[in-house]
Every structure is written in structure tokens, then in C-alpha cells.
């Protein structure tokens, strides 16, 4: 340790002034010069291809999904039967069933 205070390999502090050792500076700058950027050589790469294979269950699901999407949301046979009962005056609705359906839809669950 020097008479001035903190002493290290790179610098020393004497009377509040930081003194950097010249030889240490030269070593550091030399390090940066030798470790500069280097160009990478060309590498030979082969193009990899991705391959996707759909399982039989996935294929069956696609067929079923397509069939459902093409089907009508309205059951014409059921609608026609109810329409005929209404025209004949024979269509009866249970008030309990109606109330259960309304409350179930309101609360988001079946009662």
C-alpha cells in the first residue's frame, strides 16, 4: 500500500485525486484491441422442413365438426309438431316447467 491511501493494480487515490497507472491503462486498452470483433465464417446449413401429422381422432373430429356446422340449428320436425298442436288448440305448457326454464336461464343453471 502506498503512503497516499487506497492502492490497487489499476489506480491509487492520493489527496482526493485518483491516479490511474499508465501501465495498467495500456494493458486494458491492449486487451480491448485483441478482443475486438471478429467475423464469423460461413456455416453450411441444411434447410429443415416441418411436418405436421393429424391423428385419426383429430380427423374424425374435423368430419364431425363439419357435419354439425352444416346441420340446421332449428329442428323442423319439432317446430312443425308444436305449430300443429297450437293450431289445433291442443298445445299445453306446464307452468312449473316454464318457470323452471325461465329461472334456470336467468341464474345460468338448470333447476
PDB file of N, CA and C in Angstrom:
ATOM      1  N   UNK A   1       0.849  -1.172   0.000  1.00  0.00           N
ATOM      2  CA  UNK A   1       0.000   0.000   0.000  1.00  0.00           C
ATOM      3  C   UNK A   1       0.890   1.229   0.000  1.00  0.00           C
ATOM      4  N   UNK A   2       0.511   2.246  -0.749  1.00  0.00           N
ATOM      5  CA  UNK A   2       1.324   3.457  -0.837  1.00  0.00           C
ATOM      6  C   UNK A   2       1.012   4.381   0.321  1.00  0.00           C
ATOM      7  N   UNK A   3       1.756   5.437   0.434  1.00  0.00           N
ATOM      8  CA  UNK A   3       1.578   6.397   1.516  1.00  0.00           C
ATOM      9  C   UNK A   3       0.336   7.249   1.317  1.00  0.00           C
ATOM     10  N   UNK A   4      -0.235   7.235   0.134  1.00  0.00           N
ATOM     11  CA  UNK A   4      -1.380   8.093  -0.166  1.00  0.00           C
ATOM     12  C   UNK A   4      -2.712   7.499   0.264  1.00  0.00           C
ATOM     13  N   UNK A   5      -2.852   6.250   0.404  1.00  0.00           N
ATOM     14  CA  UNK A   5      -4.137   5.686   0.789  1.00  0.00           C
ATOM     15  C   UNK A   5      -4.444   4.442  -0.008  1.00  0.00           C
ATOM     16  N   UNK A   6      -5.631   4.402  -0.657  1.00  0.00           N
ATOM     17  CA  UNK A   6      -6.063   3.219  -1.388  1.00  0.00           C
ATOM     18  C   UNK A   6      -5.145   3.003  -2.581  1.00  0.00           C
ATOM     19  N   UNK A   7      -4.682   1.800  -2.697  1.00  0.00           N
ATOM     20  CA  UNK A   7      -3.796   1.459  -3.810  1.00  0.00           C
ATOM     21  C   UNK A   7      -4.289   0.147  -4.399  1.00  0.00           C
ATOM     22  N   UNK A   8      -4.399   0.119  -5.679  1.00  0.00           N
ATOM     23  CA  UNK A   8      -4.792  -1.117  -6.331  1.00  0.00           C
ATOM     24  C   UNK A   8      -3.939  -1.291  -7.567  1.00  0.00           C
ATOM     25  N   UNK A   9      -4.222  -2.305  -8.311  1.00  0.00           N
ATOM     26  CA  UNK A   9      -3.428  -2.575  -9.502  1.00  0.00           C
ATOM     27  C   UNK A   9      -3.701  -1.548 -10.594  1.00  0.00           C
ATOM     28  N   UNK A  10      -4.918  -0.964 -10.624  1.00  0.00           N
ATOM     29  CA  UNK A  10      -5.270  -0.037 -11.688  1.00  0.00           C
ATOM     30  C   UNK A  10      -5.157   1.431 -11.304  1.00  0.00           C
ATOM     31  N   UNK A  11      -5.443   1.755 -10.045  1.00  0.00           N
ATOM     32  CA  UNK A  11      -5.427   3.163  -9.664  1.00  0.00           C
ATOM     33  C   UNK A  11      -5.014   3.310  -8.211  1.00  0.00           C
ATOM     34  N   UNK A  12      -4.697   4.575  -7.852  1.00  0.00           N
ATOM     35  CA  UNK A  12      -4.425   4.912  -6.460  1.00  0.00           C
ATOM     36  C   UNK A  12      -5.055   6.259  -6.179  1.00  0.00           C
ATOM     37  N   UNK A  13      -5.415   6.485  -4.923  1.00  0.00           N
ATOM     38  CA  UNK A  13      -6.023   7.749  -4.522  1.00  0.00           C
ATOM     39  C   UNK A  13      -5.049   8.445  -3.578  1.00  0.00           C
ATOM     40  N   UNK A  14      -4.709   9.650  -3.937  1.00  0.00           N
ATOM     41  CA  UNK A  14      -3.779  10.411  -3.106  1.00  0.00           C
ATOM     42  C   UNK A  14      -4.299  11.835  -3.000  1.00  0.00           C
ATOM     43  N   UNK A  15      -4.588  12.291  -1.778  1.00  0.00           N
ATOM     44  CA  UNK A  15      -5.101  13.638  -1.517  1.00  0.00           C
ATOM     45  C   UNK A  15      -6.361  13.920  -2.331  1.00  0.00           C
ATOM     46  N   UNK A  16      -7.273  12.950  -2.422  1.00  0.00           N
ATOM     47  CA  UNK A  16      -8.552  13.123  -3.111  1.00  0.00           C
ATOM     48  C   UNK A  16      -8.465  13.043  -4.623  1.00  0.00           C
ATOM     49  N   UNK A  17      -7.294  12.784  -5.174  1.00  0.00           N
ATOM     50  CA  UNK A  17      -7.127  12.700  -6.622  1.00  0.00           C
ATOM     51  C   UNK A  17      -6.890  11.249  -6.994  1.00  0.00           C
ATOM     52  N   UNK A  18      -7.601  10.807  -8.024  1.00  0.00           N
ATOM     53  CA  UNK A  18      -7.449   9.428  -8.478  1.00  0.00           C
ATOM     54  C   UNK A  18      -6.353   9.406  -9.539  1.00  0.00           C
ATOM     55  N   UNK A  19      -5.374   8.574  -9.312  1.00  0.00           N
ATOM     56  CA  UNK A  19      -4.284   8.421 -10.254  1.00  0.00           C
ATOM     57  C   UNK A  19      -4.367   7.025 -10.855  1.00  0.00           C
ATOM     58  N   UNK A  20      -4.447   6.973 -12.185  1.00  0.00           N
ATOM     59  CA  UNK A  20      -4.503   5.677 -12.850  1.00  0.00           C
ATOM     60  C   UNK A  20      -3.109   5.330 -13.329  1.00  0.00           C
ATOM     61  N   UNK A  21      -2.740   4.125 -13.078  1.00  0.00           N
ATOM     62  CA  UNK A  21      -1.419   3.697 -13.509  1.00  0.00           C
ATOM     63  C   UNK A  21      -1.401   3.574 -15.022  1.00  0.00           C
ATOM     64  N   UNK A  22      -0.413   4.146 -15.646  1.00  0.00           N
ATOM     65  CA  UNK A  22      -0.290   4.144 -17.103  1.00  0.00           C
ATOM     66  C   UNK A  22      -0.119   2.737 -17.629  1.00  0.00           C
ATOM     67  N   UNK A  23       0.690   1.944 -16.982  1.00  0.00           N
ATOM     68  CA  UNK A  23       0.908   0.595 -17.482  1.00  0.00           C
ATOM     69  C   UNK A  23      -0.356  -0.238 -17.394  1.00  0.00           C
ATOM     70  N   UNK A  24      -1.199   0.010 -16.383  1.00  0.00           N
ATOM     71  CA  UNK A  24      -2.464  -0.714 -16.273  1.00  0.00           C
ATOM     72  C   UNK A  24      -3.405  -0.288 -17.391  1.00  0.00           C
ATOM     73  N   UNK A  25      -3.404   1.004 -17.701  1.00  0.00           N
ATOM     74  CA  UNK A  25      -4.238   1.505 -18.785  1.00  0.00           C
ATOM     75  C   UNK A  25      -3.812   0.871 -20.107  1.00  0.00           C
ATOM     76  N   UNK A  26      -2.534   0.785 -20.323  1.00  0.00           N
ATOM     77  CA  UNK A  26      -2.026   0.173 -21.547  1.00  0.00           C
ATOM     78  C   UNK A  26      -2.440  -1.297 -21.643  1.00  0.00           C
ATOM     79  N   UNK A  27      -2.421  -1.997 -20.510  1.00  0.00           N
ATOM     80  CA  UNK A  27      -2.819  -3.400 -20.514  1.00  0.00           C
ATOM     81  C   UNK A  27      -4.302  -3.541 -20.862  1.00  0.00           C
ATOM     82  N   UNK A  28      -5.118  -2.662 -20.280  1.00  0.00           N
ATOM     83  CA  UNK A  28      -6.560  -2.725 -20.536  1.00  0.00           C
ATOM     84  C   UNK A  28      -6.858  -2.400 -21.995  1.00  0.00           C
ATOM     85  N   UNK A  29      -6.240  -1.343 -22.526  1.00  0.00           N
ATOM     86  CA  UNK A  29      -6.513  -0.965 -23.917  1.00  0.00           C
ATOM     87  C   UNK A  29      -6.011  -2.039 -24.874  1.00  0.00           C
ATOM     88  N   UNK A  30      -4.907  -2.681 -24.532  1.00  0.00           N
ATOM     89  CA  UNK A  30      -4.390  -3.760 -25.362  1.00  0.00           C
ATOM     90  C   UNK A  30      -5.372  -4.941 -25.366  1.00  0.00           C
ATOM     91  N   UNK A  31      -5.969  -5.199 -24.227  1.00  0.00           N
ATOM     92  CA  UNK A  31      -6.962  -6.264 -24.122  1.00  0.00           C
ATOM     93  C   UNK A  31      -8.141  -6.002 -25.049  1.00  0.00           C
ATOM     94  N   UNK A  32      -8.631  -4.757 -25.070  1.00  0.00           N
ATOM     95  CA  UNK A  32      -9.764  -4.428 -25.927  1.00  0.00           C
ATOM     96  C   UNK A  32      -9.402  -4.519 -27.400  1.00  0.00           C
ATOM     97  N   UNK A  33      -8.181  -4.186 -27.737  1.00  0.00           N
ATOM     98  CA  UNK A  33      -7.768  -4.270 -29.140  1.00  0.00           C
ATOM     99  C   UNK A  33      -7.686  -5.717 -29.615  1.00  0.00           C
ATOM    100  N   UNK A  34      -7.187  -6.608 -28.785  1.00  0.00           N
ATOM    101  CA  UNK A  34      -7.040  -8.002 -29.204  1.00  0.00           C
ATOM    102  C   UNK A  34      -8.366  -8.744 -29.177  1.00  0.00           C
ATOM    103  N   UNK A  35      -9.290  -8.314 -28.324  1.00  0.00           N
ATOM    104  CA  UNK A  35     -10.595  -8.986 -28.234  1.00  0.00           C
ATOM    105  C   UNK A  35     -11.655  -8.255 -29.045  1.00  0.00           C
ATOM    106  N   UNK A  36     -11.260  -7.578 -30.086  1.00  0.00           N
ATOM    107  CA  UNK A  36     -12.214  -6.852 -30.928  1.00  0.00           C
ATOM    108  C   UNK A  36     -13.149  -7.808 -31.630  1.00  0.00           C
ATOM    109  N   UNK A  37     -14.013  -7.250 -32.427  1.00  0.00           N
ATOM    110  CA  UNK A  37     -14.999  -8.077 -33.114  1.00  0.00           C
ATOM    111  C   UNK A  37     -14.314  -8.894 -34.192  1.00  0.00           C
ATOM    112  N   UNK A  38     -14.787 -10.080 -34.322  1.00  0.00           N
ATOM    113  CA  UNK A  38     -14.270 -10.997 -35.324  1.00  0.00           C
ATOM    114  C   UNK A  38     -15.417 -11.424 -36.212  1.00  0.00           C
ATOM    115  N   UNK A  39     -15.136 -11.578 -37.478  1.00  0.00           N
ATOM    116  CA  UNK A  39     -16.164 -12.015 -38.410  1.00  0.00           C
ATOM    117  C   UNK A  39     -16.329 -13.524 -38.296  1.00  0.00           C
ATOM    118  N   UNK A  40     -17.551 -13.925 -38.282  1.00  0.00           N
ATOM    119  CA  UNK A  40     -17.852 -15.352 -38.222  1.00  0.00           C
ATOM    120  C   UNK A  40     -17.780 -15.921 -39.623  1.00  0.00           C
ATOM    121  N   UNK A  41     -17.236 -17.082 -39.720  1.00  0.00           N
ATOM    122  CA  UNK A  41     -17.163 -17.741 -41.015  1.00  0.00           C
ATOM    123  C   UNK A  41     -18.513 -18.280 -41.421  1.00  0.00           C
ATOM    124  N   UNK A  42     -18.660 -18.522 -42.699  1.00  0.00           N
ATOM    125  CA  UNK A  42     -19.921 -19.083 -43.186  1.00  0.00           C
ATOM    126  C   UNK A  42     -20.072 -20.512 -42.686  1.00  0.00           C
ATOM    127  N   UNK A  43     -21.287 -20.826 -42.333  1.00  0.00           N
ATOM    128  CA  UNK A  43     -21.572 -22.192 -41.908  1.00  0.00           C
ATOM    129  C   UNK A  43     -22.520 -22.817 -42.918  1.00  0.00           C
ATOM    130  N   UNK A  44     -22.333 -24.062 -43.137  1.00  0.00           N
ATOM    131  CA  UNK A  44     -23.220 -24.787 -44.042  1.00  0.00           C
ATOM    132  C   UNK A  44     -24.426 -25.265 -43.261  1.00  0.00           C
ATOM    133  N   UNK A  45     -25.590 -24.803 -43.677  1.00  0.00           N
ATOM    134  CA  UNK A  45     -26.820 -25.227 -43.004  1.00  0.00           C
ATOM    135  C   UNK A  45     -27.715 -25.909 -44.017  1.00  0.00           C
ATOM    136  N   UNK A  46     -28.408 -26.870 -43.534  1.00  0.00           N
ATOM    137  CA  UNK A  46     -29.379 -27.543 -44.379  1.00  0.00           C
ATOM    138  C   UNK A  46     -30.760 -27.118 -43.924  1.00  0.00           C
ATOM    139  N   UNK A  47     -31.626 -26.892 -44.852  1.00  0.00           N
ATOM    140  CA  UNK A  47     -32.976 -26.446 -44.529  1.00  0.00           C
ATOM    141  C   UNK A  47     -33.770 -27.605 -43.942  1.00  0.00           C
ATOM    142  N   UNK A  48     -34.279 -27.389 -42.750  1.00  0.00           N
ATOM    143  CA  UNK A  48     -35.115 -28.398 -42.102  1.00  0.00           C
ATOM    144  C   UNK A  48     -36.569 -28.120 -42.462  1.00  0.00           C
ATOM    145  N   UNK A  49     -37.311 -29.128 -42.702  1.00  0.00           N
ATOM    146  CA  UNK A  49     -38.724 -28.951 -43.024  1.00  0.00           C
ATOM    147  C   UNK A  49     -39.569 -29.407 -41.845  1.00  0.00           C
ATOM    148  N   UNK A  50     -40.615 -28.650 -41.610  1.00  0.00           N
ATOM    149  CA  UNK A  50     -41.554 -29.009 -40.551  1.00  0.00           C
ATOM    150  C   UNK A  50     -42.590 -29.963 -41.114  1.00  0.00           C
ATOM    151  N   UNK A  51     -43.046 -30.854 -40.269  1.00  0.00           N
ATOM    152  CA  UNK A  51     -44.039 -31.830 -40.709  1.00  0.00           C
ATOM    153  C   UNK A  51     -45.111 -31.930 -39.632  1.00  0.00           C
ATOM    154  N   UNK A  52     -46.348 -31.843 -40.043  1.00  0.00           N
ATOM    155  CA  UNK A  52     -47.479 -31.971 -39.128  1.00  0.00           C
ATOM    156  C   UNK A  52     -48.282 -33.187 -39.548  1.00  0.00           C
ATOM    157  N   UNK A  53     -48.621 -33.995 -38.567  1.00  0.00           N
ATOM    158  CA  UNK A  53     -49.422 -35.181 -38.846  1.00  0.00           C
ATOM    159  C   UNK A  53     -50.617 -35.169 -37.906  1.00  0.00           C
ATOM    160  N   UNK A  54     -51.816 -35.245 -38.482  1.00  0.00           N
ATOM    161  CA  UNK A  54     -53.047 -35.210 -37.691  1.00  0.00           C
ATOM    162  C   UNK A  54     -53.478 -36.639 -37.395  1.00  0.00           C
ATOM    163  N   UNK A  55     -53.782 -36.890 -36.122  1.00  0.00           N
ATOM    164  CA  UNK A  55     -54.176 -38.237 -35.711  1.00  0.00           C
ATOM    165  C   UNK A  55     -55.557 -38.585 -36.269  1.00  0.00           C
ATOM    166  N   UNK A  56     -55.916 -39.847 -36.191  1.00  0.00           N
ATOM    167  CA  UNK A  56     -57.213 -40.306 -36.682  1.00  0.00           C
ATOM    168  C   UNK A  56     -58.340 -39.670 -35.870  1.00  0.00           C
ATOM    169  N   UNK A  57     -58.135 -39.517 -34.580  1.00  0.00           N
ATOM    170  CA  UNK A  57     -59.159 -38.870 -33.734  1.00  0.00           C
ATOM    171  C   UNK A  57     -59.365 -37.431 -34.188  1.00  0.00           C
ATOM    172  N   UNK A  58     -58.265 -36.739 -34.500  1.00  0.00           N
ATOM    173  CA  UNK A  58     -58.366 -35.367 -34.990  1.00  0.00           C
ATOM    174  C   UNK A  58     -59.110 -35.282 -36.302  1.00  0.00           C
ATOM    175  N   UNK A  59     -58.847 -36.244 -37.189  1.00  0.00           N
ATOM    176  CA  UNK A  59     -59.552 -36.273 -38.477  1.00  0.00           C
ATOM    177  C   UNK A  59     -61.036 -36.530 -38.270  1.00  0.00           C
ATOM    178  N   UNK A  60     -61.366 -37.474 -37.377  1.00  0.00           N
ATOM    179  CA  UNK A  60     -62.777 -37.769 -37.080  1.00  0.00           C
ATOM    180  C   UNK A  60     -63.467 -36.547 -36.487  1.00  0.00           C
ATOM    181  N   UNK A  61     -62.764 -35.838 -35.630  1.00  0.00           N
ATOM    182  CA  UNK A  61     -63.319 -34.635 -35.019  1.00  0.00           C
ATOM    183  C   UNK A  61     -63.608 -33.579 -36.082  1.00  0.00           C
ATOM    184  N   UNK A  62     -62.715 -33.419 -37.045  1.00  0.00           N
ATOM    185  CA  UNK A  62     -62.931 -32.448 -38.114  1.00  0.00           C
ATOM    186  C   UNK A  62     -64.167 -32.803 -38.935  1.00  0.00           C
ATOM    187  N   UNK A  63     -64.338 -34.085 -39.232  1.00  0.00           N
ATOM    188  CA  UNK A  63     -65.508 -34.529 -40.001  1.00  0.00           C
ATOM    189  C   UNK A  63     -66.789 -34.254 -39.211  1.00  0.00           C
ATOM    190  N   UNK A  64     -66.781 -34.595 -37.919  1.00  0.00           N
ATOM    191  CA  UNK A  64     -67.966 -34.371 -37.080  1.00  0.00           C
ATOM    192  C   UNK A  64     -68.267 -32.879 -36.953  1.00  0.00           C
ATOM    193  N   UNK A  65     -67.235 -32.065 -36.789  1.00  0.00           N
ATOM    194  CA  UNK A  65     -67.420 -30.614 -36.657  1.00  0.00           C
ATOM    195  C   UNK A  65     -68.015 -30.039 -37.936  1.00  0.00           C
ATOM    196  N   UNK A  66     -67.553 -30.515 -39.076  1.00  0.00           N
ATOM    197  CA  UNK A  66     -68.084 -30.049 -40.354  1.00  0.00           C
ATOM    198  C   UNK A  66     -69.541 -30.459 -40.512  1.00  0.00           C
ATOM    199  N   UNK A  67     -69.886 -31.668 -40.117  1.00  0.00           N
ATOM    200  CA  UNK A  67     -71.270 -32.145 -40.229  1.00  0.00           C
ATOM    201  C   UNK A  67     -72.196 -31.328 -39.329  1.00  0.00           C
ATOM    202  N   UNK A  68     -71.743 -31.017 -38.127  1.00  0.00           N
ATOM    203  CA  UNK A  68     -72.563 -30.224 -37.201  1.00  0.00           C
ATOM    204  C   UNK A  68     -72.739 -28.810 -37.730  1.00  0.00           C
ATOM    205  N   UNK A  69     -71.685 -28.244 -38.297  1.00  0.00           N
ATOM    206  CA  UNK A  69     -71.793 -26.871 -38.804  1.00  0.00           C
ATOM    207  C   UNK A  69     -72.742 -26.780 -39.994  1.00  0.00           C
ATOM    208  N   UNK A  70     -72.897 -27.859 -40.741  1.00  0.00           N
ATOM    209  CA  UNK A  70     -73.793 -27.852 -41.892  1.00  0.00           C
ATOM    210  C   UNK A  70     -75.241 -28.151 -41.493  1.00  0.00           C
ATOM    211  N   UNK A  71     -75.436 -28.709 -40.309  1.00  0.00           N
ATOM    212  CA  UNK A  71     -76.786 -29.042 -39.861  1.00  0.00           C
ATOM    213  C   UNK A  71     -77.497 -27.774 -39.384  1.00  0.00           C
ATOM    214  N   UNK A  72     -78.787 -27.760 -39.521  1.00  0.00           N
ATOM    215  CA  UNK A  72     -79.596 -26.622 -39.110  1.00  0.00           C
ATOM    216  C   UNK A  72     -79.703 -26.575 -37.584  1.00  0.00           C
ATOM    217  N   UNK A  73     -79.738 -25.365 -37.037  1.00  0.00           N
ATOM    218  CA  UNK A  73     -79.925 -25.201 -35.594  1.00  0.00           C
ATOM    219  C   UNK A  73     -81.381 -25.397 -35.201  1.00  0.00           C
ATOM    220  N   UNK A  74     -82.282 -25.358 -36.163  1.00  0.00           N
ATOM    221  CA  UNK A  74     -83.715 -25.488 -35.895  1.00  0.00           C
ATOM    222  C   UNK A  74     -84.166 -26.895 -36.273  1.00  0.00           C
ATOM    223  N   UNK A  75     -84.810 -27.556 -35.327  1.00  0.00           N
ATOM    224  CA  UNK A  75     -85.353 -28.891 -35.594  1.00  0.00           C
ATOM    225  C   UNK A  75     -86.744 -28.725 -36.206  1.00  0.00           C
ATOM    226  N   UNK A  76     -86.786 -28.754 -37.514  1.00  0.00           N
ATOM    227  CA  UNK A  76     -88.031 -28.501 -38.258  1.00  0.00           C
ATOM    228  C   UNK A  76     -89.158 -29.450 -37.857  1.00  0.00           C
ATOM    229  N   UNK A  77     -88.842 -30.718 -37.616  1.00  0.00           N
ATOM    230  CA  UNK A  77     -89.885 -31.677 -37.252  1.00  0.00           C
ATOM    231  C   UNK A  77     -90.537 -31.288 -35.932  1.00  0.00           C
ATOM    232  N   UNK A  78     -89.724 -30.873 -34.967  1.00  0.00           N
ATOM    233  CA  UNK A  78     -90.261 -30.469 -33.649  1.00  0.00           C
ATOM    234  C   UNK A  78     -91.091 -29.189 -33.770  1.00  0.00           C
ATOM    235  N   UNK A  79     -90.606 -28.231 -34.554  1.00  0.00           N
ATOM    236  CA  UNK A  79     -91.318 -26.959 -34.738  1.00  0.00           C
ATOM    237  C   UNK A  79     -92.669 -27.213 -35.408  1.00  0.00           C
ATOM    238  N   UNK A  80     -92.663 -28.052 -36.440  1.00  0.00           N
ATOM    239  CA  UNK A  80     -93.928 -28.341 -37.138  1.00  0.00           C
ATOM    240  C   UNK A  80     -94.926 -29.046 -36.231  1.00  0.00           C
ATOM    241  N   UNK A  81     -94.469 -29.954 -35.381  1.00  0.00           N
ATOM    242  CA  UNK A  81     -95.372 -30.666 -34.461  1.00  0.00           C
ATOM    243  C   UNK A  81     -95.984 -29.691 -33.458  1.00  0.00           C
ATOM    244  N   UNK A  82     -95.183 -28.795 -32.911  1.00  0.00           N
ATOM    245  CA  UNK A  82     -95.708 -27.819 -31.939  1.00  0.00           C
ATOM    246  C   UNK A  82     -96.646 -26.837 -32.637  1.00  0.00           C
ATOM    247  N   UNK A  83     -96.298 -26.402 -33.836  1.00  0.00           N
ATOM    248  CA  UNK A  83     -97.154 -25.477 -34.590  1.00  0.00           C
ATOM    249  C   UNK A  83     -98.522 -26.115 -34.843  1.00  0.00           C
ATOM    250  N   UNK A  84     -98.538 -27.392 -35.198  1.00  0.00           N
ATOM    251  CA  UNK A  84     -99.800 -28.099 -35.449  1.00  0.00           C
ATOM    252  C   UNK A  84    -100.639 -28.189 -34.174  1.00  0.00           C
ATOM    253  N   UNK A  85     -99.986 -28.487 -33.025  1.00  0.00           N
ATOM    254  CA  UNK A  85    -100.704 -28.552 -31.747  1.00  0.00           C
ATOM    255  C   UNK A  85    -101.285 -27.179 -31.392  1.00  0.00           C
ATOM    256  N   UNK A  86    -100.540 -26.127 -31.652  1.00  0.00           N
ATOM    257  CA  UNK A  86    -101.043 -24.778 -31.348  1.00  0.00           C
ATOM    258  C   UNK A  86    -102.252 -24.441 -32.223  1.00  0.00           C
ATOM    259  N   UNK A  87    -102.184 -24.806 -33.487  1.00  0.00           N
ATOM    260  CA  UNK A  87    -103.311 -24.537 -34.402  1.00  0.00           C
ATOM    261  C   UNK A  87    -104.551 -25.331 -34.002  1.00  0.00           C
ATOM    262  N   UNK A  88    -104.352 -26.547 -33.486  1.00  0.00           N
ATOM    263  CA  UNK A  88    -105.479 -27.383 -33.055  1.00  0.00           C
ATOM    264  C   UNK A  88    -105.977 -27.016 -31.661  1.00  0.00           C
ATOM    265  N   UNK A  89    -105.207 -26.203 -30.935  1.00  0.00           N
ATOM    266  CA  UNK A  89    -105.581 -25.831 -29.569  1.00  0.00           C
ATOM    267  C   UNK A  89    -105.243 -26.902 -28.555  1.00  0.00           C
ATOM    268  N   UNK A  90    -104.382 -27.841 -28.916  1.00  0.00           N
ATOM    269  CA  UNK A  90    -104.038 -28.940 -28.016  1.00  0.00           C
ATOM    270  C   UNK A  90    -102.637 -28.785 -27.385  1.00  0.00           C
ATOM    271  N   UNK A  91    -101.998 -27.664 -27.637  1.00  0.00           N
ATOM    272  CA  UNK A  91    -100.654 -27.460 -27.089  1.00  0.00           C
ATOM    273  C   UNK A  91    -100.762 -26.943 -25.668  1.00  0.00           C
ATOM    274  N   UNK A  92    -100.241 -27.695 -24.714  1.00  0.00           N
ATOM    275  CA  UNK A  92    -100.292 -27.310 -23.309  1.00  0.00           C
ATOM    276  C   UNK A  92     -98.861 -27.164 -22.778  1.00  0.00           C
ATOM    277  N   UNK A  93     -98.665 -26.107 -22.023  1.00  0.00           N
ATOM    278  CA  UNK A  93     -97.359 -25.854 -21.421  1.00  0.00           C
ATOM    279  C   UNK A  93     -97.514 -25.944 -19.908  1.00  0.00           C
ATOM    280  N   UNK A  94     -96.648 -26.712 -19.283  1.00  0.00           N
ATOM    281  CA  UNK A  94     -96.655 -26.805 -17.834  1.00  0.00           C
ATOM    282  C   UNK A  94     -96.050 -25.514 -17.273  1.00  0.00           C
ATOM    283  N   UNK A  95     -96.804 -24.857 -16.394  1.00  0.00           N
ATOM    284  CA  UNK A  95     -96.326 -23.605 -15.809  1.00  0.00           C
ATOM    285  C   UNK A  95     -95.084 -23.830 -14.934  1.00  0.00           C
ATOM    286  N   UNK A  96     -95.013 -24.972 -14.302  1.00  0.00           N
ATOM    287  CA  UNK A  96     -93.827 -25.293 -13.490  1.00  0.00           C
ATOM    288  C   UNK A  96     -92.599 -25.446 -14.374  1.00  0.00           C
ATOM    289  N   UNK A  97     -92.752 -26.153 -15.496  1.00  0.00           N
ATOM    290  CA  UNK A  97     -91.630 -26.317 -16.426  1.00  0.00           C
ATOM    291  C   UNK A  97     -91.187 -24.970 -16.992  1.00  0.00           C
ATOM    292  N   UNK A  98     -92.156 -24.123 -17.340  1.00  0.00           N
ATOM    293  CA  UNK A  98     -91.841 -22.798 -17.870  1.00  0.00           C
ATOM    294  C   UNK A  98     -91.092 -21.968 -16.837  1.00  0.00           C
ATOM    295  N   UNK A  99     -91.563 -21.980 -15.598  1.00  0.00           N
ATOM    296  CA  UNK A  99     -90.913 -21.216 -14.528  1.00  0.00           C
ATOM    297  C   UNK A  99     -89.498 -21.747 -14.268  1.00  0.00           C
ATOM    298  N   UNK A 100     -89.355 -23.060 -14.256  1.00  0.00           N
ATOM    299  CA  UNK A 100     -88.021 -23.645 -14.054  1.00  0.00           C
ATOM    300  C   UNK A 100     -87.050 -23.224 -15.159  1.00  0.00           C
ATOM    301  N   UNK A 101     -87.523 -23.249 -16.403  1.00  0.00           N
ATOM    302  CA  UNK A 101     -86.675 -22.853 -17.537  1.00  0.00           C
ATOM    303  C   UNK A 101     -86.305 -21.380 -17.454  1.00  0.00           C
ATOM    304  N   UNK A 102     -87.288 -20.529 -17.123  1.00  0.00           N
ATOM    305  CA  UNK A 102     -87.011 -19.091 -17.019  1.00  0.00           C
ATOM    306  C   UNK A 102     -86.000 -18.799 -15.913  1.00  0.00           C
ATOM    307  N   UNK A 103     -86.204 -19.378 -14.741  1.00  0.00           N
ATOM    308  CA  UNK A 103     -85.279 -19.155 -13.633  1.00  0.00           C
ATOM    309  C   UNK A 103     -83.905 -19.759 -13.918  1.00  0.00           C
ATOM    310  N   UNK A 104     -83.897 -20.918 -14.555  1.00  0.00           N
ATOM    311  CA  UNK A 104     -82.628 -21.540 -14.917  1.00  0.00           C
ATOM    312  C   UNK A 104     -81.833 -20.685 -15.879  1.00  0.00           C
ATOM    313  N   UNK A 105     -82.514 -20.105 -16.872  1.00  0.00           N
ATOM    314  CA  UNK A 105     -81.837 -19.218 -17.818  1.00  0.00           C
ATOM    315  C   UNK A 105     -81.384 -17.935 -17.134  1.00  0.00           C
ATOM    316  N   UNK A 106     -82.197 -17.438 -16.208  1.00  0.00           N
ATOM    317  CA  UNK A 106     -81.854 -16.199 -15.508  1.00  0.00           C
ATOM    318  C   UNK A 106     -80.632 -16.394 -14.623  1.00  0.00           C
ATOM    319  N   UNK A 107     -80.568 -17.485 -13.899  1.00  0.00           N
ATOM    320  CA  UNK A 107     -79.454 -17.757 -12.992  1.00  0.00           C
ATOM    321  C   UNK A 107     -78.320 -18.536 -13.652  1.00  0.00           C
ATOM    322  N   UNK A 108     -78.490 -18.916 -14.900  1.00  0.00           N
ATOM    323  CA  UNK A 108     -77.438 -19.592 -15.630  1.00  0.00           C
ATOM    324  C   UNK A 108     -77.237 -21.046 -15.271  1.00  0.00           C
ATOM    325  N   UNK A 109     -78.245 -21.681 -14.732  1.00  0.00           N
ATOM    326  CA  UNK A 109     -78.117 -23.106 -14.385  1.00  0.00           C
ATOM    327  C   UNK A 109     -79.493 -23.759 -14.466  1.00  0.00           C
ATOM    328  N   UNK A 110     -79.466 -25.065 -14.576  1.00  0.00           N
ATOM    329  CA  UNK A 110     -80.738 -25.802 -14.616  1.00  0.00           C
ATOM    330  C   UNK A 110     -81.255 -25.998 -13.205  1.00  0.00           C
ATOM    331  N   UNK A 111     -82.558 -25.888 -13.064  1.00  0.00           N
ATOM    332  CA  UNK A 111     -83.170 -26.071 -11.735  1.00  0.00           C
ATOM    333  C   UNK A 111     -83.859 -27.392 -11.689  1.00  0.00           C
TER     334      UNK A 111
END
